[in-house]
PDB file of N, CA and C in Angstrom:
ATOM      1  N   UNK A   1    -145.043  52.481-109.407  1.00  0.00           N
ATOM      2  CA  UNK A   1    -143.820  52.631-108.284  1.00  0.00           C
ATOM      3  C   UNK A   1    -143.193  51.459-107.858  1.00  0.00           C
ATOM      4  N   UNK A   2    -142.221  51.547-107.765  1.00  0.00           N
ATOM      5  CA  UNK A   2    -141.126  50.512-107.252  1.00  0.00           C
ATOM      6  C   UNK A   2    -141.646  49.575-105.705  1.00  0.00           C
ATOM      7  N   UNK A   3    -141.119  48.487-105.503  1.00  0.00           N
ATOM      8  CA  UNK A   3    -141.160  47.925-104.260  1.00  0.00           C
ATOM      9  C   UNK A   3    -140.356  48.505-102.869  1.00  0.00           C
ATOM     10  N   UNK A   4    -141.065  47.988-101.790  1.00  0.00           N
ATOM     11  CA  UNK A   4    -140.172  48.377-100.725  1.00  0.00           C
ATOM     12  C   UNK A   4    -139.044  47.891-100.863  1.00  0.00           C
ATOM     13  N   UNK A   5    -138.828  46.454-100.973  1.00  0.00           N
ATOM     14  CA  UNK A   5    -137.435  45.782-101.033  1.00  0.00           C
ATOM     15  C   UNK A   5    -136.355  46.464-102.048  1.00  0.00           C
ATOM     16  N   UNK A   6    -137.057  47.185-103.465  1.00  0.00           N
ATOM     17  CA  UNK A   6    -136.277  47.902-104.199  1.00  0.00           C
ATOM     18  C   UNK A   6    -135.453  49.248-103.399  1.00  0.00           C
ATOM     19  N   UNK A   7    -136.303  49.953-102.592  1.00  0.00           N
ATOM     20  CA  UNK A   7    -136.066  50.578-101.910  1.00  0.00           C
ATOM     21  C   UNK A   7    -134.338  50.395-101.059  1.00  0.00           C
ATOM     22  N   UNK A   8    -135.118  49.309-100.134  1.00  0.00           N
ATOM     23  CA  UNK A   8    -134.472  48.743 -99.137  1.00  0.00           C
ATOM     24  C   UNK A   8    -133.056  48.542 -99.878  1.00  0.00           C
ATOM     25  N   UNK A   9    -133.102  47.635-100.867  1.00  0.00           N
ATOM     26  CA  UNK A   9    -131.749  47.706-101.418  1.00  0.00           C
ATOM     27  C   UNK A   9    -130.812  48.530-102.202  1.00  0.00           C
ATOM     28  N   UNK A  10    -131.544  49.930-102.390  1.00  0.00           N
ATOM     29  CA  UNK A  10    -130.911  50.853-102.838  1.00  0.00           C
ATOM     30  C   UNK A  10    -130.062  51.493-101.371  1.00  0.00           C
ATOM     31  N   UNK A  11    -130.865  51.654-100.267  1.00  0.00           N
ATOM     32  CA  UNK A  11    -130.202  51.742 -98.814  1.00  0.00           C
ATOM     33  C   UNK A  11    -128.860  51.055 -98.738  1.00  0.00           C
ATOM     34  N   UNK A  12    -129.138  49.724 -99.197  1.00  0.00           N
ATOM     35  CA  UNK A  12    -127.982  48.845 -98.845  1.00  0.00           C
ATOM     36  C   UNK A  12    -126.571  49.339 -99.187  1.00  0.00           C
ATOM     37  N   UNK A  13    -127.126  49.707-100.698  1.00  0.00           N
ATOM     38  CA  UNK A  13    -125.970  50.076-101.709  1.00  0.00           C
ATOM     39  C   UNK A  13    -124.997  51.032-101.182  1.00  0.00           C
ATOM     40  N   UNK A  14    -125.695  52.329-100.597  1.00  0.00           N
ATOM     41  CA  UNK A  14    -125.281  53.310-100.421  1.00  0.00           C
ATOM     42  C   UNK A  14    -124.447  52.979 -99.040  1.00  0.00           C
ATOM     43  N   UNK A  15    -125.168  52.450 -98.262  1.00  0.00           N
ATOM     44  CA  UNK A  15    -124.685  52.046 -96.659  1.00  0.00           C
ATOM     45  C   UNK A  15    -124.736  50.277 -96.666  1.00  0.00           C
ATOM     46  N   UNK A  16    -123.463  49.806 -97.136  1.00  0.00           N
ATOM     47  CA  UNK A  16    -123.361  48.414 -97.082  1.00  0.00           C
ATOM     48  C   UNK A  16    -123.232  47.799 -95.731  1.00  0.00           C
ATOM     49  N   UNK A  17    -122.812  48.813 -94.968  1.00  0.00           N
ATOM     50  CA  UNK A  17    -122.699  48.451 -93.367  1.00  0.00           C
ATOM     51  C   UNK A  17    -123.936  48.051 -92.700  1.00  0.00           C
ATOM     52  N   UNK A  18    -125.024  48.585 -93.082  1.00  0.00           N
ATOM     53  CA  UNK A  18    -126.163  48.523 -92.403  1.00  0.00           C
ATOM     54  C   UNK A  18    -126.701  46.951 -92.344  1.00  0.00           C
ATOM     55  N   UNK A  19    -126.747  45.995 -93.224  1.00  0.00           N
ATOM     56  CA  UNK A  19    -126.969  44.524 -92.771  1.00  0.00           C
ATOM     57  C   UNK A  19    -128.222  44.092 -93.788  1.00  0.00           C
ATOM     58  N   UNK A  20    -129.207  43.451 -93.461  1.00  0.00           N
ATOM     59  CA  UNK A  20    -130.190  42.883 -94.106  1.00  0.00           C
ATOM     60  C   UNK A  20    -131.158  44.089 -94.038  1.00  0.00           C
ATOM     61  N   UNK A  21    -132.158  43.598 -95.091  1.00  0.00           N
ATOM     62  CA  UNK A  21    -133.358  44.075 -95.363  1.00  0.00           C
ATOM     63  C   UNK A  21    -134.421  43.242 -94.675  1.00  0.00           C
ATOM     64  N   UNK A  22    -135.119  44.226 -94.104  1.00  0.00           N
ATOM     65  CA  UNK A  22    -136.447  43.311 -92.736  1.00  0.00           C
ATOM     66  C   UNK A  22    -135.673  43.194 -91.513  1.00  0.00           C
ATOM     67  N   UNK A  23    -134.127  43.135 -90.959  1.00  0.00           N
ATOM     68  CA  UNK A  23    -133.626  42.817 -89.980  1.00  0.00           C
ATOM     69  C   UNK A  23    -133.484  44.156 -89.494  1.00  0.00           C
ATOM     70  N   UNK A  24    -132.125  44.743 -90.055  1.00  0.00           N
ATOM     71  CA  UNK A  24    -131.424  45.927 -89.717  1.00  0.00           C
ATOM     72  C   UNK A  24    -132.048  46.779 -90.259  1.00  0.00           C
ATOM     73  N   UNK A  25    -132.632  47.382 -91.138  1.00  0.00           N
ATOM     74  CA  UNK A  25    -133.242  48.261 -92.108  1.00  0.00           C
ATOM     75  C   UNK A  25    -134.669  47.525 -92.758  1.00  0.00           C
ATOM     76  N   UNK A  26    -135.712  48.584 -92.151  1.00  0.00           N
ATOM     77  CA  UNK A  26    -136.886  48.134 -93.247  1.00  0.00           C
ATOM     78  C   UNK A  26    -137.605  49.573 -93.523  1.00  0.00           C
ATOM     79  N   UNK A  27    -138.212  49.006 -94.789  1.00  0.00           N
ATOM     80  CA  UNK A  27    -138.878  50.231 -95.285  1.00  0.00           C
ATOM     81  C   UNK A  27    -140.707  49.953 -95.428  1.00  0.00           C
ATOM     82  N   UNK A  28    -141.373  51.023 -95.436  1.00  0.00           N
ATOM     83  CA  UNK A  28    -142.811  50.669 -95.677  1.00  0.00           C
ATOM     84  C   UNK A  28    -143.166  52.454 -96.440  1.00  0.00           C
ATOM     85  N   UNK A  29    -144.283  52.274 -96.766  1.00  0.00           N
ATOM     86  CA  UNK A  29    -144.612  52.963 -97.424  1.00  0.00           C
ATOM     87  C   UNK A  29    -145.974  53.614 -96.664  1.00  0.00           C
ATOM     88  N   UNK A  30    -146.240  54.787 -96.766  1.00  0.00           N
ATOM     89  CA  UNK A  30    -147.215  55.154 -95.791  1.00  0.00           C
ATOM     90  C   UNK A  30    -148.460  56.628 -96.764  1.00  0.00           C
ATOM     91  N   UNK A  31    -149.433  55.410 -97.210  1.00  0.00           N
ATOM     92  CA  UNK A  31    -150.296  56.563 -98.217  1.00  0.00           C
ATOM     93  C   UNK A  31    -151.031  57.064 -97.644  1.00  0.00           C
ATOM     94  N   UNK A  32    -151.257  57.134 -96.401  1.00  0.00           N
ATOM     95  CA  UNK A  32    -151.690  58.789 -95.784  1.00  0.00           C
ATOM     96  C   UNK A  32    -150.940  59.820 -95.792  1.00  0.00           C
ATOM     97  N   UNK A  33    -149.587  59.512 -96.050  1.00  0.00           N
ATOM     98  CA  UNK A  33    -148.544  60.572 -95.666  1.00  0.00           C
ATOM     99  C   UNK A  33    -148.214  60.784 -97.236  1.00  0.00           C
ATOM    100  N   UNK A  34    -148.057  60.021 -98.117  1.00  0.00           N
ATOM    101  CA  UNK A  34    -147.550  59.550 -99.232  1.00  0.00           C
ATOM    102  C   UNK A  34    -146.176  60.330 -98.844  1.00  0.00           C
ATOM    103  N   UNK A  35    -145.497  59.051 -97.899  1.00  0.00           N
ATOM    104  CA  UNK A  35    -144.061  59.055 -97.711  1.00  0.00           C
ATOM    105  C   UNK A  35    -143.407  57.850 -97.411  1.00  0.00           C
ATOM    106  N   UNK A  36    -142.306  57.232 -97.256  1.00  0.00           N
ATOM    107  CA  UNK A  36    -141.675  56.370 -97.177  1.00  0.00           C
ATOM    108  C   UNK A  36    -141.362  56.236 -95.794  1.00  0.00           C
ATOM    109  N   UNK A  37    -141.402  55.136 -94.745  1.00  0.00           N
ATOM    110  CA  UNK A  37    -140.802  55.187 -93.588  1.00  0.00           C
ATOM    111  C   UNK A  37    -139.889  54.150 -93.268  1.00  0.00           C
ATOM    112  N   UNK A  38    -138.522  54.685 -93.173  1.00  0.00           N
ATOM    113  CA  UNK A  38    -137.538  54.234 -92.986  1.00  0.00           C
ATOM    114  C   UNK A  38    -137.187  53.707 -91.493  1.00  0.00           C
ATOM    115  N   UNK A  39    -137.249  52.242 -90.898  1.00  0.00           N
ATOM    116  CA  UNK A  39    -136.696  51.855 -89.628  1.00  0.00           C
ATOM    117  C   UNK A  39    -135.617  51.452 -89.559  1.00  0.00           C
ATOM    118  N   UNK A  40    -134.533  52.110 -88.622  1.00  0.00           N
ATOM    119  CA  UNK A  40    -133.077  51.436 -88.842  1.00  0.00           C
ATOM    120  C   UNK A  40    -133.085  50.928 -87.225  1.00  0.00           C
ATOM    121  N   UNK A  41    -132.075  49.268 -87.442  1.00  0.00           N
ATOM    122  CA  UNK A  41    -132.514  48.956 -85.948  1.00  0.00           C
ATOM    123  C   UNK A  41    -130.812  48.534 -85.724  1.00  0.00           C
ATOM    124  N   UNK A  42    -130.474  48.659 -84.452  1.00  0.00           N
ATOM    125  CA  UNK A  42    -128.995  47.981 -83.785  1.00  0.00           C
ATOM    126  C   UNK A  42    -129.184  47.571 -82.528  1.00  0.00           C
ATOM    127  N   UNK A  43    -129.062  46.460 -82.275  1.00  0.00           N
ATOM    128  CA  UNK A  43    -129.123  45.815 -81.300  1.00  0.00           C
ATOM    129  C   UNK A  43    -130.652  45.859 -80.636  1.00  0.00           C
ATOM    130  N   UNK A  44    -131.005  46.076 -79.766  1.00  0.00           N
ATOM    131  CA  UNK A  44    -132.094  46.661 -79.318  1.00  0.00           C
ATOM    132  C   UNK A  44    -132.361  48.127 -79.425  1.00  0.00           C
ATOM    133  N   UNK A  45    -131.823  49.079 -80.272  1.00  0.00           N
ATOM    134  CA  UNK A  45    -132.103  50.103 -80.350  1.00  0.00           C
ATOM    135  C   UNK A  45    -132.534  50.388 -81.642  1.00  0.00           C
ATOM    136  N   UNK A  46    -133.797  50.908 -82.149  1.00  0.00           N
ATOM    137  CA  UNK A  46    -134.595  51.547 -83.282  1.00  0.00           C
ATOM    138  C   UNK A  46    -135.158  52.724 -83.246  1.00  0.00           C
ATOM    139  N   UNK A  47    -134.705  53.441 -84.514  1.00  0.00           N
ATOM    140  CA  UNK A  47    -135.199  54.517 -84.779  1.00  0.00           C
ATOM    141  C   UNK A  47    -135.920  54.565 -86.451  1.00  0.00           C
ATOM    142  N   UNK A  48    -136.638  55.714 -86.262  1.00  0.00           N
ATOM    143  CA  UNK A  48    -137.016  55.393 -88.110  1.00  0.00           C
ATOM    144  C   UNK A  48    -137.315  56.978 -88.525  1.00  0.00           C
ATOM    145  N   UNK A  49    -137.069  57.341 -89.669  1.00  0.00           N
ATOM    146  CA  UNK A  49    -137.151  58.632 -90.468  1.00  0.00           C
ATOM    147  C   UNK A  49    -138.216  58.449 -91.090  1.00  0.00           C
ATOM    148  N   UNK A  50    -138.491  59.423 -92.118  1.00  0.00           N
ATOM    149  CA  UNK A  50    -139.304  59.632 -93.224  1.00  0.00           C
ATOM    150  C   UNK A  50    -138.647  60.223 -94.427  1.00  0.00           C
ATOM    151  N   UNK A  51    -139.025  59.473 -95.491  1.00  0.00           N
ATOM    152  CA  UNK A  51    -138.330  59.951 -96.810  1.00  0.00           C
ATOM    153  C   UNK A  51    -139.318  60.547 -97.910  1.00  0.00           C
ATOM    154  N   UNK A  52    -139.308  61.633 -98.371  1.00  0.00           N
ATOM    155  CA  UNK A  52    -140.573  61.974 -99.333  1.00  0.00           C
ATOM    156  C   UNK A  52    -140.385  61.177-100.616  1.00  0.00           C
ATOM    157  N   UNK A  53    -141.958  60.882-101.194  1.00  0.00           N
ATOM    158  CA  UNK A  53    -141.771  60.005-102.396  1.00  0.00           C
ATOM    159  C   UNK A  53    -140.704  60.365-103.563  1.00  0.00           C
ATOM    160  N   UNK A  54    -140.753  61.953-103.406  1.00  0.00           N
ATOM    161  CA  UNK A  54    -140.122  62.648-104.767  1.00  0.00           C
ATOM    162  C   UNK A  54    -138.485  62.298-104.571  1.00  0.00           C
ATOM    163  N   UNK A  55    -138.451  62.261-103.342  1.00  0.00           N
ATOM    164  CA  UNK A  55    -136.927  62.372-102.737  1.00  0.00           C
ATOM    165  C   UNK A  55    -136.037  60.570-103.236  1.00  0.00           C
ATOM    166  N   UNK A  56    -137.428  60.053-102.500  1.00  0.00           N
ATOM    167  CA  UNK A  56    -137.025  58.388-103.163  1.00  0.00           C
ATOM    168  C   UNK A  56    -136.902  58.129-104.708  1.00  0.00           C
ATOM    169  N   UNK A  57    -137.778  58.873-105.386  1.00  0.00           N
ATOM    170  CA  UNK A  57    -137.924  58.418-106.645  1.00  0.00           C
ATOM    171  C   UNK A  57    -136.661  59.033-107.751  1.00  0.00           C
ATOM    172  N   UNK A  58    -136.141  60.083-106.964  1.00  0.00           N
ATOM    173  CA  UNK A  58    -134.711  60.405-107.855  1.00  0.00           C
ATOM    174  C   UNK A  58    -133.915  59.625-107.383  1.00  0.00           C
ATOM    175  N   UNK A  59    -133.675  59.077-106.192  1.00  0.00           N
ATOM    176  CA  UNK A  59    -132.720  58.278-105.872  1.00  0.00           C
ATOM    177  C   UNK A  59    -132.889  56.890-107.031  1.00  0.00           C
ATOM    178  N   UNK A  60    -134.158  56.390-106.599  1.00  0.00           N
ATOM    179  CA  UNK A  60    -134.317  55.091-107.398  1.00  0.00           C
ATOM    180  C   UNK A  60    -134.192  55.185-108.831  1.00  0.00           C
ATOM    181  N   UNK A  61    -134.343  56.115-109.320  1.00  0.00           N
ATOM    182  CA  UNK A  61    -134.099  56.646-110.786  1.00  0.00           C
ATOM    183  C   UNK A  61    -132.610  56.916-110.934  1.00  0.00           C
ATOM    184  N   UNK A  62    -131.636  56.536-110.135  1.00  0.00           N
ATOM    185  CA  UNK A  62    -129.990  57.045-110.322  1.00  0.00           C
ATOM    186  C   UNK A  62    -130.031  58.511-110.499  1.00  0.00           C
ATOM    187  N   UNK A  63    -130.647  59.350-110.062  1.00  0.00           N
ATOM    188  CA  UNK A  63    -130.331  61.142-110.639  1.00  0.00           C
ATOM    189  C   UNK A  63    -129.787  61.498-109.199  1.00  0.00           C
ATOM    190  N   UNK A  64    -130.462  61.252-108.072  1.00  0.00           N
ATOM    191  CA  UNK A  64    -129.581  62.055-106.979  1.00  0.00           C
ATOM    192  C   UNK A  64    -130.300  61.412-105.859  1.00  0.00           C
ATOM    193  N   UNK A  65    -129.119  60.777-104.717  1.00  0.00           N
ATOM    194  CA  UNK A  65    -129.576  60.239-103.449  1.00  0.00           C
ATOM    195  C   UNK A  65    -129.104  60.909-102.190  1.00  0.00           C
ATOM    196  N   UNK A  66    -129.004  62.016-102.527  1.00  0.00           N
ATOM    197  CA  UNK A  66    -128.595  63.223-101.493  1.00  0.00           C
ATOM    198  C   UNK A  66    -129.573  63.153-100.248  1.00  0.00           C
ATOM    199  N   UNK A  67    -130.707  63.438-100.594  1.00  0.00           N
ATOM    200  CA  UNK A  67    -131.881  63.529 -99.386  1.00  0.00           C
ATOM    201  C   UNK A  67    -131.933  61.947 -98.632  1.00  0.00           C
ATOM    202  N   UNK A  68    -131.813  60.765 -99.592  1.00  0.00           N
ATOM    203  CA  UNK A  68    -131.537  59.426 -98.352  1.00  0.00           C
ATOM    204  C   UNK A  68    -130.457  59.192 -97.987  1.00  0.00           C
ATOM    205  N   UNK A  69    -129.217  59.942 -98.822  1.00  0.00           N
ATOM    206  CA  UNK A  69    -127.964  59.870 -97.904  1.00  0.00           C
ATOM    207  C   UNK A  69    -128.208  60.425 -96.740  1.00  0.00           C
ATOM    208  N   UNK A  70    -128.377  61.839 -96.639  1.00  0.00           N
ATOM    209  CA  UNK A  70    -128.736  62.551 -95.423  1.00  0.00           C
ATOM    210  C   UNK A  70    -129.456  62.191 -94.057  1.00  0.00           C
ATOM    211  N   UNK A  71    -130.962  61.759 -94.892  1.00  0.00           N
ATOM    212  CA  UNK A  71    -131.381  61.118 -93.920  1.00  0.00           C
ATOM    213  C   UNK A  71    -131.062  59.645 -93.170  1.00  0.00           C
ATOM    214  N   UNK A  72    -130.250  58.523 -93.751  1.00  0.00           N
ATOM    215  CA  UNK A  72    -129.690  57.459 -93.463  1.00  0.00           C
ATOM    216  C   UNK A  72    -128.584  57.777 -92.915  1.00  0.00           C
ATOM    217  N   UNK A  73    -127.819  58.505 -93.063  1.00  0.00           N
ATOM    218  CA  UNK A  73    -126.689  58.909 -92.167  1.00  0.00           C
ATOM    219  C   UNK A  73    -127.210  59.533 -90.937  1.00  0.00           C
ATOM    220  N   UNK A  74    -128.093  60.147 -90.680  1.00  0.00           N
ATOM    221  CA  UNK A  74    -128.471  61.103 -89.862  1.00  0.00           C
ATOM    222  C   UNK A  74    -129.182  60.026 -88.509  1.00  0.00           C
ATOM    223  N   UNK A  75    -129.978  59.135 -89.121  1.00  0.00           N
ATOM    224  CA  UNK A  75    -130.100  58.114 -88.551  1.00  0.00           C
ATOM    225  C   UNK A  75    -129.388  57.087 -87.942  1.00  0.00           C
ATOM    226  N   UNK A  76    -128.649  56.784 -88.915  1.00  0.00           N
ATOM    227  CA  UNK A  76    -127.288  55.612 -87.993  1.00  0.00           C
ATOM    228  C   UNK A  76    -126.199  56.689 -86.881  1.00  0.00           C
ATOM    229  N   UNK A  77    -126.294  57.758 -86.949  1.00  0.00           N
ATOM    230  CA  UNK A  77    -125.497  58.650 -85.839  1.00  0.00           C
ATOM    231  C   UNK A  77    -126.274  58.645 -85.075  1.00  0.00           C
ATOM    232  N   UNK A  78    -127.466  58.772 -85.018  1.00  0.00           N
ATOM    233  CA  UNK A  78    -128.676  59.107 -83.483  1.00  0.00           C
ATOM    234  C   UNK A  78    -128.372  57.854 -83.063  1.00  0.00           C
ATOM    235  N   UNK A  79    -128.857  56.590 -83.936  1.00  0.00           N
ATOM    236  CA  UNK A  79    -128.355  54.937 -83.029  1.00  0.00           C
ATOM    237  C   UNK A  79    -127.002  54.944 -82.431  1.00  0.00           C
ATOM    238  N   UNK A  80    -125.694  55.248 -83.274  1.00  0.00           N
ATOM    239  CA  UNK A  80    -124.579  55.101 -82.693  1.00  0.00           C
ATOM    240  C   UNK A  80    -124.619  56.032 -81.271  1.00  0.00           C
ATOM    241  N   UNK A  81    -125.300  56.993 -81.012  1.00  0.00           N
ATOM    242  CA  UNK A  81    -125.127  58.047 -79.796  1.00  0.00           C
ATOM    243  C   UNK A  81    -126.169  57.582 -78.727  1.00  0.00           C
ATOM    244  N   UNK A  82    -127.306  56.799 -79.188  1.00  0.00           N
ATOM    245  CA  UNK A  82    -128.035  56.239 -77.949  1.00  0.00           C
ATOM    246  C   UNK A  82    -126.812  55.684 -76.953  1.00  0.00           C
ATOM    247  N   UNK A  83    -127.498  55.519 -75.731  1.00  0.00           N
ATOM    248  CA  UNK A  83    -127.076  54.659 -74.876  1.00  0.00           C
ATOM    249  C   UNK A  83    -127.280  53.081 -74.860  1.00  0.00           C
ATOM    250  N   UNK A  84    -126.304  52.362 -74.422  1.00  0.00           N
ATOM    251  CA  UNK A  84    -126.036  50.912 -74.571  1.00  0.00           C
ATOM    252  C   UNK A  84    -127.549  50.500 -73.667  1.00  0.00           C
ATOM    253  N   UNK A  85    -128.304  49.448 -73.882  1.00  0.00           N
ATOM    254  CA  UNK A  85    -128.877  48.985 -72.659  1.00  0.00           C
ATOM    255  C   UNK A  85    -127.823  48.345 -71.804  1.00  0.00           C
ATOM    256  N   UNK A  86    -128.357  48.276 -70.373  1.00  0.00           N
ATOM    257  CA  UNK A  86    -127.331  47.587 -69.125  1.00  0.00           C
ATOM    258  C   UNK A  86    -127.667  46.436 -69.176  1.00  0.00           C
TER     259      UNK A  86
END
Protein backbone atom coordinates (compact mmCIF):
# COMPACT_ATOMS: atom_id res chain seq x y z
CA UNK A 1 0.00 0.00 0.00
CA UNK A 2 1.11 3.55 -0.64
CA UNK A 3 1.63 6.22 1.98
CA UNK A 4 -0.88 8.93 2.82
CA UNK A 5 1.53 11.53 1.47
CA UNK A 6 1.38 9.83 -1.94
CA UNK A 7 -2.41 10.02 -2.06
CA UNK A 8 -2.25 13.61 -0.84
CA UNK A 9 0.14 14.47 -3.69
CA UNK A 10 -2.19 12.79 -6.19
CA UNK A 11 -5.06 14.97 -4.96
CA UNK A 12 -2.85 18.03 -5.40
CA UNK A 13 -1.99 16.93 -8.95
CA UNK A 14 -5.69 16.79 -9.80
CA UNK A 15 -6.52 19.99 -7.89
CA UNK A 16 -3.39 22.18 -7.71
CA UNK A 17 -5.37 25.02 -6.13
CA UNK A 18 -6.04 23.02 -2.96
CA UNK A 19 -2.76 23.87 -1.24
CA UNK A 20 -0.30 22.09 0.97
CA UNK A 21 -0.56 18.55 2.22
CA UNK A 22 -1.32 18.52 5.93
CA UNK A 23 -2.57 22.10 5.87
CA UNK A 24 -5.36 22.50 3.30
CA UNK A 25 -5.83 18.80 2.57
CA UNK A 26 -5.02 15.82 4.74
CA UNK A 27 -5.63 12.11 4.28
CA UNK A 28 -5.61 9.26 6.76
CA UNK A 29 -6.37 5.60 6.39
CA UNK A 30 -9.14 4.16 8.57
CA UNK A 31 -8.25 0.49 9.13
CA UNK A 32 -11.59 -0.35 10.71
CA UNK A 33 -13.53 0.88 7.65
CA UNK A 34 -10.90 -0.01 5.01
CA UNK A 35 -11.24 3.48 3.53
CA UNK A 36 -9.34 6.73 3.20
CA UNK A 37 -10.60 9.79 5.07
CA UNK A 38 -9.93 13.00 3.13
CA UNK A 39 -10.12 16.28 5.10
CA UNK A 40 -10.33 19.54 3.18
CA UNK A 41 -9.85 22.87 4.95
CA UNK A 42 -10.40 26.44 3.83
CA UNK A 43 -9.99 29.27 6.31
CA UNK A 44 -11.87 28.03 9.39
CA UNK A 45 -14.11 25.70 7.40
CA UNK A 46 -13.42 21.98 7.29
CA UNK A 47 -15.16 19.01 5.71
CA UNK A 48 -14.27 15.39 5.18
CA UNK A 49 -15.19 12.64 2.78
CA UNK A 50 -14.40 8.97 2.46
CA UNK A 51 -12.64 7.35 -0.46
CA UNK A 52 -12.92 3.61 -0.91
CA UNK A 53 -9.61 1.74 -1.02
CA UNK A 54 -10.32 0.26 -4.48
CA UNK A 55 -11.02 3.74 -5.92
CA UNK A 56 -7.84 5.14 -4.38
CA UNK A 57 -5.88 2.16 -5.76
CA UNK A 58 -7.17 2.73 -9.30
CA UNK A 59 -6.20 6.37 -9.16
CA UNK A 60 -2.77 5.75 -7.66
CA UNK A 61 -2.10 3.16 -10.38
CA UNK A 62 -2.87 5.82 -13.00
CA UNK A 63 -5.88 3.90 -14.30
CA UNK A 64 -8.90 5.96 -13.23
CA UNK A 65 -9.27 8.95 -10.92
CA UNK A 66 -12.96 9.65 -11.56
CA UNK A 67 -14.15 8.70 -8.07
CA UNK A 68 -11.37 10.66 -6.40
CA UNK A 69 -12.05 13.67 -8.61
CA UNK A 70 -15.79 13.59 -7.95
CA UNK A 71 -15.37 13.25 -4.19
CA UNK A 72 -12.83 16.09 -3.94
CA UNK A 73 -14.84 18.33 -6.26
CA UNK A 74 -17.99 17.83 -4.18
CA UNK A 75 -16.01 18.58 -1.04
CA UNK A 76 -14.58 21.77 -2.56
CA UNK A 77 -18.02 22.91 -3.69
CA UNK A 78 -19.49 22.27 -0.25
CA UNK A 79 -16.76 24.28 1.47
CA UNK A 80 -17.19 27.16 -0.97
CA UNK A 81 -20.93 27.27 -0.25
CA UNK A 82 -20.46 27.33 3.52
CA UNK A 83 -21.11 30.74 5.11
CA UNK A 84 -18.09 32.74 6.12
CA UNK A 85 -17.46 33.38 9.80
CA UNK A 86 -18.30 36.91 10.88
